[in-house]
Amino acid sequence: MLLNVKEVTVHYGKAEALKGVSLEVPEDYIATVIGSNGAGKSTLMSTVVGLRKPSSGEIHFRGKRIDGQTPEQIVKLGIALVPEGRRVFPFMSVVENLEMGAYTQKDRKQVITMMGEIYSRFPVLEERRHQLAGTLSGGEQQMLAIARALLTKPKMLLLDEPSHGLSPLMVQAVGEIIKTIHKMGVSILLIEQNARLALGLAQLGYVLETGCVVLKADAKELLQNDFVKRAYLGI
């Protein structure tokens, strides 16, 4: 199992944000966690990458326990996060943002090669490489955030609400980018409020409600689940 979250509980003060959450992501899978605002999805992501410490439970990546390690150590193990809201460095250029993603790479020639690969996959970023990141469109900023994460050479990419605030056309483009990344051999854990998009991309799905996993199934089965249809698909 690539990622194994075991009975993880997370507190904000006295409030439980996650209540004994368990999930697994197999190698070469796209797995998704859907749920409403406040369900604990972003807290789950932050805990996996070490930005928040669990009150109890364990997190294992490639058989190694990682809860308690620093975010930097976790990135070096092969997990990269694209946070909600993109969070590019707005007053730095596109190329400077990308170089920040490559900070773990010591071989400069390899970095140049990787940058070339990124530009071939995201040609708009090459066109705008000297432009300040804060002046890009929302969709372009999302591409930049994803590309920056890919420069860490992750084995697993965590995507937190990548379609949020984007136009329908751009949402479709982000979906295609996720498929392409998966074909590159990168496993993905996707958090999305756009349940139709997420379940259409994923092989495995979880439903998170008020800090608890209430459903786990093949993503295509969840698309047909009556509860999911009513609560998340508007059917």
C-alpha atoms as a PDB file:
ATOM      1  CA  MET A   1       0.000   0.000   0.000  1.00  0.00           C
ATOM      2  CA  LEU A   2       1.435   3.388  -0.974  1.00  0.00           C
ATOM      3  CA  LEU A   3      -0.352   5.527   1.638  1.00  0.00           C
ATOM      4  CA  ASN A   4      -2.026   4.141   4.726  1.00  0.00           C
ATOM      5  CA  VAL A   5      -3.820   6.437   7.173  1.00  0.00           C
ATOM      6  CA  LYS A   6      -4.784   4.495  10.314  1.00  0.00           C
ATOM      7  CA  GLU A   7      -7.355   5.774  12.816  1.00  0.00           C
ATOM      8  CA  VAL A   8      -6.096   9.366  12.686  1.00  0.00           C
ATOM      9  CA  THR A   9      -7.653  11.911  15.015  1.00  0.00           C
ATOM     10  CA  VAL A  10      -6.810  15.615  14.785  1.00  0.00           C
ATOM     11  CA  HIS A  11      -7.878  18.366  17.175  1.00  0.00           C
ATOM     12  CA  TYR A  12      -8.187  22.128  16.851  1.00  0.00           C
ATOM     13  CA  GLY A  13      -8.146  22.982  20.519  1.00  0.00           C
ATOM     14  CA  LYS A  14     -10.907  20.836  22.027  1.00  0.00           C
ATOM     15  CA  ALA A  15     -12.733  20.365  18.712  1.00  0.00           C
ATOM     16  CA  GLU A  16     -12.154  17.135  16.772  1.00  0.00           C
ATOM     17  CA  ALA A  17     -11.560  17.889  13.098  1.00  0.00           C
ATOM     18  CA  LEU A  18     -10.806  14.256  12.214  1.00  0.00           C
ATOM     19  CA  LYS A  19     -12.313  11.408  14.229  1.00  0.00           C
ATOM     20  CA  GLY A  20     -10.401   8.188  13.725  1.00  0.00           C
ATOM     21  CA  VAL A  21     -10.072   8.521   9.955  1.00  0.00           C
ATOM     22  CA  SER A  22      -8.645   5.556   8.049  1.00  0.00           C
ATOM     23  CA  LEU A  23      -7.966   5.406   4.321  1.00  0.00           C
ATOM     24  CA  GLU A  24      -5.647   3.676   1.897  1.00  0.00           C
ATOM     25  CA  VAL A  25      -4.272   4.709  -1.478  1.00  0.00           C
ATOM     26  CA  PRO A  26      -2.770   1.861  -3.530  1.00  0.00           C
ATOM     27  CA  GLU A  27       0.208   2.437  -5.820  1.00  0.00           C
ATOM     28  CA  ASP A  28      -0.689   3.872  -9.259  1.00  0.00           C
ATOM     29  CA  TYR A  29      -4.187   4.878  -8.126  1.00  0.00           C
ATOM     30  CA  ILE A  30      -6.153   8.081  -8.198  1.00  0.00           C
ATOM     31  CA  ALA A  31      -8.135   8.146  -4.961  1.00  0.00           C
ATOM     32  CA  THR A  32     -10.527  10.914  -4.038  1.00  0.00           C
ATOM     33  CA  VAL A  33     -12.088  12.231  -0.855  1.00  0.00           C
ATOM     34  CA  ILE A  34     -15.331  14.109  -1.335  1.00  0.00           C
ATOM     35  CA  GLY A  35     -17.323  15.987   1.257  1.00  0.00           C
ATOM     36  CA  SER A  36     -18.886  19.313   2.103  1.00  0.00           C
ATOM     37  CA  ASN A  37     -17.124  22.376   3.525  1.00  0.00           C
ATOM     38  CA  GLY A  38     -15.940  21.720   7.066  1.00  0.00           C
ATOM     39  CA  ALA A  39     -15.889  17.938   6.657  1.00  0.00           C
ATOM     40  CA  GLY A  40     -12.151  17.794   7.431  1.00  0.00           C
ATOM     41  CA  LYS A  41     -10.774  17.254   3.920  1.00  0.00           C
ATOM     42  CA  SER A  42      -8.070  19.934   4.032  1.00  0.00           C
ATOM     43  CA  THR A  43      -7.159  18.945   7.591  1.00  0.00           C
ATOM     44  CA  LEU A  44      -6.563  15.414   6.311  1.00  0.00           C
ATOM     45  CA  MET A  45      -4.221  16.708   3.603  1.00  0.00           C
ATOM     46  CA  SER A  46      -2.327  18.955   6.033  1.00  0.00           C
ATOM     47  CA  THR A  47      -1.869  16.054   8.434  1.00  0.00           C
ATOM     48  CA  VAL A  48      -0.526  13.705   5.763  1.00  0.00           C
ATOM     49  CA  VAL A  49       2.163  16.232   4.736  1.00  0.00           C
ATOM     50  CA  GLY A  50       3.143  17.061   8.312  1.00  0.00           C
ATOM     51  CA  LEU A  51       1.687  20.548   8.575  1.00  0.00           C
ATOM     52  CA  ARG A  52      -0.589  19.356  11.395  1.00  0.00           C
ATOM     53  CA  LYS A  53       0.154  16.698  13.972  1.00  0.00           C
ATOM     54  CA  PRO A  54      -2.400  13.974  14.719  1.00  0.00           C
ATOM     55  CA  SER A  55      -3.604  13.565  18.292  1.00  0.00           C
ATOM     56  CA  SER A  56      -3.650   9.810  17.720  1.00  0.00           C
ATOM     57  CA  GLY A  57      -3.307   7.305  14.913  1.00  0.00           C
ATOM     58  CA  GLU A  58      -0.569   6.562  12.390  1.00  0.00           C
ATOM     59  CA  ILE A  59       0.306   7.494   8.800  1.00  0.00           C
ATOM     60  CA  HIS A  60       2.497   5.214   6.686  1.00  0.00           C
ATOM     61  CA  PHE A  61       3.962   5.958   3.249  1.00  0.00           C
ATOM     62  CA  ARG A  62       5.608   3.130   1.298  1.00  0.00           C
ATOM     63  CA  GLY A  63       5.711   1.111   4.511  1.00  0.00           C
ATOM     64  CA  LYS A  64       7.447   3.872   6.509  1.00  0.00           C
ATOM     65  CA  ARG A  65       5.717   5.689   9.353  1.00  0.00           C
ATOM     66  CA  ILE A  66       5.707   9.415   8.580  1.00  0.00           C
ATOM     67  CA  ASP A  67       3.507  11.081  11.186  1.00  0.00           C
ATOM     68  CA  GLY A  68       5.851  13.087  13.361  1.00  0.00           C
ATOM     69  CA  GLN A  69       8.216  13.895  10.496  1.00  0.00           C
ATOM     70  CA  THR A  70       8.625  17.450   9.237  1.00  0.00           C
ATOM     71  CA  PRO A  71       7.007  18.645   5.987  1.00  0.00           C
ATOM     72  CA  GLU A  72      10.482  18.924   4.419  1.00  0.00           C
ATOM     73  CA  GLN A  73      11.274  15.307   5.295  1.00  0.00           C
ATOM     74  CA  ILE A  74       7.930  14.159   3.904  1.00  0.00           C
ATOM     75  CA  VAL A  75       8.509  16.024   0.628  1.00  0.00           C
ATOM     76  CA  LYS A  76      11.878  14.307   0.281  1.00  0.00           C
ATOM     77  CA  LEU A  77      10.167  10.931   0.797  1.00  0.00           C
ATOM     78  CA  GLY A  78       8.021  11.650  -2.254  1.00  0.00           C
ATOM     79  CA  ILE A  79       4.771  13.378  -1.242  1.00  0.00           C
ATOM     80  CA  ALA A  80       3.905  16.801  -2.670  1.00  0.00           C
ATOM     81  CA  LEU A  81       0.887  18.964  -1.846  1.00  0.00           C
ATOM     82  CA  VAL A  82      -0.885  21.426  -4.116  1.00  0.00           C
ATOM     83  CA  PRO A  83      -2.838  23.374  -1.496  1.00  0.00           C
ATOM     84  CA  GLU A  84      -6.296  24.826  -1.784  1.00  0.00           C
ATOM     85  CA  GLY A  85      -6.178  28.316  -3.267  1.00  0.00           C
ATOM     86  CA  ARG A  86      -2.996  27.512  -5.246  1.00  0.00           C
ATOM     87  CA  ARG A  87      -0.772  29.711  -3.038  1.00  0.00           C
ATOM     88  CA  VAL A  88       1.780  30.700  -5.634  1.00  0.00           C
ATOM     89  CA  PHE A  89       4.312  33.373  -4.705  1.00  0.00           C
ATOM     90  CA  PRO A  90       2.545  36.341  -6.342  1.00  0.00           C
ATOM     91  CA  PHE A  91       5.486  38.769  -6.457  1.00  0.00           C
ATOM     92  CA  MET A  92       7.878  36.217  -7.929  1.00  0.00           C
ATOM     93  CA  SER A  93       8.031  35.299 -11.593  1.00  0.00           C
ATOM     94  CA  VAL A  94       6.731  32.026 -12.981  1.00  0.00           C
ATOM     95  CA  VAL A  95      10.252  30.643 -13.367  1.00  0.00           C
ATOM     96  CA  GLU A  96      11.169  31.689  -9.807  1.00  0.00           C
ATOM     97  CA  ASN A  97       8.072  29.879  -8.500  1.00  0.00           C
ATOM     98  CA  LEU A  98       9.105  26.759 -10.405  1.00  0.00           C
ATOM     99  CA  GLU A  99      12.644  26.959  -9.049  1.00  0.00           C
ATOM    100  CA  MET A 100      11.183  26.975  -5.531  1.00  0.00           C
ATOM    101  CA  GLY A 101       9.635  23.587  -6.333  1.00  0.00           C
ATOM    102  CA  ALA A 102      13.019  22.240  -7.411  1.00  0.00           C
ATOM    103  CA  TYR A 103      14.801  23.206  -4.188  1.00  0.00           C
ATOM    104  CA  THR A 104      15.222  19.551  -3.157  1.00  0.00           C
ATOM    105  CA  GLN A 105      17.125  18.757  -6.375  1.00  0.00           C
ATOM    106  CA  LYS A 106      20.889  19.217  -6.061  1.00  0.00           C
ATOM    107  CA  ASP A 107      21.856  18.443  -9.667  1.00  0.00           C
ATOM    108  CA  ARG A 108      21.499  21.683 -11.664  1.00  0.00           C
ATOM    109  CA  LYS A 109      21.590  19.869 -14.999  1.00  0.00           C
ATOM    110  CA  GLN A 110      18.734  17.656 -13.852  1.00  0.00           C
ATOM    111  CA  VAL A 111      16.749  20.720 -12.797  1.00  0.00           C
ATOM    112  CA  ILE A 112      17.201  22.250 -16.270  1.00  0.00           C
ATOM    113  CA  THR A 113      16.013  18.991 -17.843  1.00  0.00           C
ATOM    114  CA  MET A 114      13.000  18.858 -15.515  1.00  0.00           C
ATOM    115  CA  MET A 115      12.124  22.488 -16.270  1.00  0.00           C
ATOM    116  CA  GLY A 116      12.167  21.648 -19.974  1.00  0.00           C
ATOM    117  CA  GLU A 117       9.777  18.760 -19.348  1.00  0.00           C
ATOM    118  CA  ILE A 118       7.474  21.046 -17.362  1.00  0.00           C
ATOM    119  CA  TYR A 119       7.440  23.624 -20.146  1.00  0.00           C
ATOM    120  CA  SER A 120       6.621  20.922 -22.698  1.00  0.00           C
ATOM    121  CA  ARG A 121       3.629  19.861 -20.592  1.00  0.00           C
ATOM    122  CA  PHE A 122       2.575  23.403 -19.678  1.00  0.00           C
ATOM    123  CA  PRO A 123       3.586  25.590 -22.655  1.00  0.00           C
ATOM    124  CA  VAL A 124       1.660  28.568 -21.285  1.00  0.00           C
ATOM    125  CA  LEU A 125       4.085  28.649 -18.341  1.00  0.00           C
ATOM    126  CA  GLU A 126       7.043  28.912 -20.696  1.00  0.00           C
ATOM    127  CA  GLU A 127       5.317  31.741 -22.543  1.00  0.00           C
ATOM    128  CA  ARG A 128       4.784  33.570 -19.243  1.00  0.00           C
ATOM    129  CA  ARG A 129       7.962  32.480 -17.463  1.00  0.00           C
ATOM    130  CA  HIS A 130       9.064  36.056 -16.709  1.00  0.00           C
ATOM    131  CA  GLN A 131       5.582  37.239 -15.697  1.00  0.00           C
ATOM    132  CA  LEU A 132       4.718  37.752 -12.023  1.00  0.00           C
ATOM    133  CA  ALA A 133       2.727  34.772 -10.794  1.00  0.00           C
ATOM    134  CA  GLY A 134       0.127  37.006  -9.172  1.00  0.00           C
ATOM    135  CA  THR A 135      -0.841  38.426 -12.563  1.00  0.00           C
ATOM    136  CA  LEU A 136      -1.704  35.013 -14.061  1.00  0.00           C
ATOM    137  CA  SER A 137      -5.296  33.897 -14.454  1.00  0.00           C
ATOM    138  CA  GLY A 138      -6.730  31.492 -11.897  1.00  0.00           C
ATOM    139  CA  GLY A 139      -6.309  28.567 -14.264  1.00  0.00           C
ATOM    140  CA  GLU A 140      -2.719  29.506 -15.062  1.00  0.00           C
ATOM    141  CA  GLN A 141      -1.924  29.831 -11.365  1.00  0.00           C
ATOM    142  CA  GLN A 142      -3.338  26.346 -10.806  1.00  0.00           C
ATOM    143  CA  MET A 143      -1.100  24.994 -13.571  1.00  0.00           C
ATOM    144  CA  LEU A 144       1.861  26.736 -11.945  1.00  0.00           C
ATOM    145  CA  ALA A 145       1.062  25.285  -8.514  1.00  0.00           C
ATOM    146  CA  ILE A 146       0.799  21.776  -9.962  1.00  0.00           C
ATOM    147  CA  ALA A 147       3.986  22.194 -12.015  1.00  0.00           C
ATOM    148  CA  ARG A 148       5.867  23.496  -8.972  1.00  0.00           C
ATOM    149  CA  ALA A 149       4.817  20.396  -7.008  1.00  0.00           C
ATOM    150  CA  LEU A 150       5.885  18.090  -9.845  1.00  0.00           C
ATOM    151  CA  LEU A 151       9.407  19.523  -9.693  1.00  0.00           C
ATOM    152  CA  THR A 152       9.835  17.817  -6.313  1.00  0.00           C
ATOM    153  CA  LYS A 153       9.616  14.512  -8.267  1.00  0.00           C
ATOM    154  CA  PRO A 154       6.772  13.132  -6.132  1.00  0.00           C
ATOM    155  CA  LYS A 155       5.640   9.540  -6.010  1.00  0.00           C
ATOM    156  CA  MET A 156       2.315  10.826  -4.692  1.00  0.00           C
ATOM    157  CA  LEU A 157       0.615  14.144  -5.416  1.00  0.00           C
ATOM    158  CA  LEU A 158      -2.004  15.559  -3.048  1.00  0.00           C
ATOM    159  CA  LEU A 159      -4.421  17.951  -4.767  1.00  0.00           C
ATOM    160  CA  ASP A 160      -6.671  20.080  -2.552  1.00  0.00           C
ATOM    161  CA  GLU A 161      -9.664  21.507  -4.460  1.00  0.00           C
ATOM    162  CA  PRO A 162      -7.813  22.039  -7.780  1.00  0.00           C
ATOM    163  CA  SER A 163     -10.993  23.067  -9.647  1.00  0.00           C
ATOM    164  CA  HIS A 164     -12.142  25.644  -7.085  1.00  0.00           C
ATOM    165  CA  GLY A 165     -12.933  29.024  -8.604  1.00  0.00           C
ATOM    166  CA  LEU A 166     -12.145  27.998 -12.178  1.00  0.00           C
ATOM    167  CA  SER A 167     -14.294  28.346 -15.293  1.00  0.00           C
ATOM    168  CA  PRO A 168     -15.979  25.182 -16.642  1.00  0.00           C
ATOM    169  CA  LEU A 169     -13.496  25.105 -19.516  1.00  0.00           C
ATOM    170  CA  MET A 170     -10.561  25.367 -17.135  1.00  0.00           C
ATOM    171  CA  VAL A 171     -12.038  22.699 -14.853  1.00  0.00           C
ATOM    172  CA  GLN A 172     -12.039  20.349 -17.837  1.00  0.00           C
ATOM    173  CA  ALA A 173      -8.411  21.260 -18.565  1.00  0.00           C
ATOM    174  CA  VAL A 174      -7.393  20.550 -14.964  1.00  0.00           C
ATOM    175  CA  GLY A 175      -9.095  17.153 -15.236  1.00  0.00           C
ATOM    176  CA  GLU A 176      -6.969  16.350 -18.284  1.00  0.00           C
ATOM    177  CA  ILE A 177      -3.831  17.486 -16.448  1.00  0.00           C
ATOM    178  CA  ILE A 178      -4.644  15.113 -13.576  1.00  0.00           C
ATOM    179  CA  LYS A 179      -5.053  12.220 -16.036  1.00  0.00           C
ATOM    180  CA  THR A 180      -1.697  13.073 -17.627  1.00  0.00           C
ATOM    181  CA  ILE A 181       0.091  13.185 -14.267  1.00  0.00           C
ATOM    182  CA  HIS A 182      -1.368   9.787 -13.382  1.00  0.00           C
ATOM    183  CA  LYS A 183      -0.076   8.359 -16.672  1.00  0.00           C
ATOM    184  CA  MET A 184       3.384   9.621 -15.681  1.00  0.00           C
ATOM    185  CA  GLY A 185       3.301   7.093 -12.832  1.00  0.00           C
ATOM    186  CA  VAL A 186       2.378   9.504 -10.042  1.00  0.00           C
ATOM    187  CA  SER A 187      -0.306   8.334  -7.614  1.00  0.00           C
ATOM    188  CA  ILE A 188      -2.834  10.990  -6.647  1.00  0.00           C
ATOM    189  CA  LEU A 189      -5.013  11.779  -3.637  1.00  0.00           C
ATOM    190  CA  LEU A 190      -7.616  14.276  -4.809  1.00  0.00           C
ATOM    191  CA  ILE A 191      -9.871  16.347  -2.590  1.00  0.00           C
ATOM    192  CA  GLU A 192     -12.770  17.970  -4.395  1.00  0.00           C
ATOM    193  CA  GLN A 193     -16.155  19.527  -3.787  1.00  0.00           C
ATOM    194  CA  ASN A 194     -16.879  18.879  -7.468  1.00  0.00           C
ATOM    195  CA  ALA A 195     -17.836  15.276  -6.753  1.00  0.00           C
ATOM    196  CA  ARG A 196     -18.756  14.473 -10.343  1.00  0.00           C
ATOM    197  CA  LEU A 197     -15.309  15.531 -11.570  1.00  0.00           C
ATOM    198  CA  ALA A 198     -13.480  13.745  -8.751  1.00  0.00           C
ATOM    199  CA  LEU A 199     -15.341  10.444  -9.011  1.00  0.00           C
ATOM    200  CA  GLY A 200     -15.034  10.537 -12.795  1.00  0.00           C
ATOM    201  CA  LEU A 201     -11.243  10.725 -12.505  1.00  0.00           C
ATOM    202  CA  ALA A 202     -10.650   8.382  -9.567  1.00  0.00           C
ATOM    203  CA  GLN A 203     -10.601   4.629  -9.155  1.00  0.00           C
ATOM    204  CA  LEU A 204     -11.248   4.699  -5.400  1.00  0.00           C
ATOM    205  CA  GLY A 205     -13.483   7.076  -3.483  1.00  0.00           C
ATOM    206  CA  TYR A 206     -14.112   8.079   0.124  1.00  0.00           C
ATOM    207  CA  VAL A 207     -16.899  10.241   1.537  1.00  0.00           C
ATOM    208  CA  LEU A 208     -15.907  12.342   4.547  1.00  0.00           C
ATOM    209  CA  GLU A 209     -18.566  13.896   6.780  1.00  0.00           C
ATOM    210  CA  THR A 210     -17.878  15.890   9.968  1.00  0.00           C
ATOM    211  CA  GLY A 211     -14.464  14.307  10.354  1.00  0.00           C
ATOM    212  CA  CYS A 212     -15.534  10.701   9.723  1.00  0.00           C
ATOM    213  CA  VAL A 213     -15.256   8.431   6.678  1.00  0.00           C
ATOM    214  CA  VAL A 214     -18.842   7.322   6.066  1.00  0.00           C
ATOM    215  CA  LEU A 215     -18.378   5.585   2.716  1.00  0.00           C
ATOM    216  CA  LYS A 216     -15.564   3.863   0.847  1.00  0.00           C
ATOM    217  CA  ALA A 217     -16.034   2.212  -2.551  1.00  0.00           C
ATOM    218  CA  ASP A 218     -14.932   2.017  -6.147  1.00  0.00           C
ATOM    219  CA  ALA A 219     -15.368   5.547  -7.492  1.00  0.00           C
ATOM    220  CA  LYS A 220     -17.730   4.411 -10.244  1.00  0.00           C
ATOM    221  CA  GLU A 221     -19.899   2.675  -7.632  1.00  0.00           C
ATOM    222  CA  LEU A 222     -20.071   5.898  -5.617  1.00  0.00           C
ATOM    223  CA  LEU A 223     -21.312   7.715  -8.713  1.00  0.00           C
ATOM    224  CA  GLN A 224     -24.319   5.356  -8.624  1.00  0.00           C
ATOM    225  CA  ASN A 225     -24.812   5.471  -4.854  1.00  0.00           C
ATOM    226  CA  ASP A 226     -28.190   6.989  -3.929  1.00  0.00           C
ATOM    227  CA  PHE A 227     -26.807   8.875  -0.928  1.00  0.00           C
ATOM    228  CA  VAL A 228     -23.947  10.355  -2.976  1.00  0.00           C
ATOM    229  CA  LYS A 229     -26.367  11.287  -5.761  1.00  0.00           C
ATOM    230  CA  ARG A 230     -28.624  13.172  -3.363  1.00  0.00           C
ATOM    231  CA  ALA A 231     -25.932  14.782  -1.202  1.00  0.00           C
ATOM    232  CA  TYR A 232     -23.170  15.565  -3.699  1.00  0.00           C
ATOM    233  CA  LEU A 233     -24.406  15.223  -7.273  1.00  0.00           C
ATOM    234  CA  GLY A 234     -27.691  17.100  -6.996  1.00  0.00           C
ATOM    235  CA  ILE A 235     -29.703  14.167  -8.347  1.00  0.00           C
END
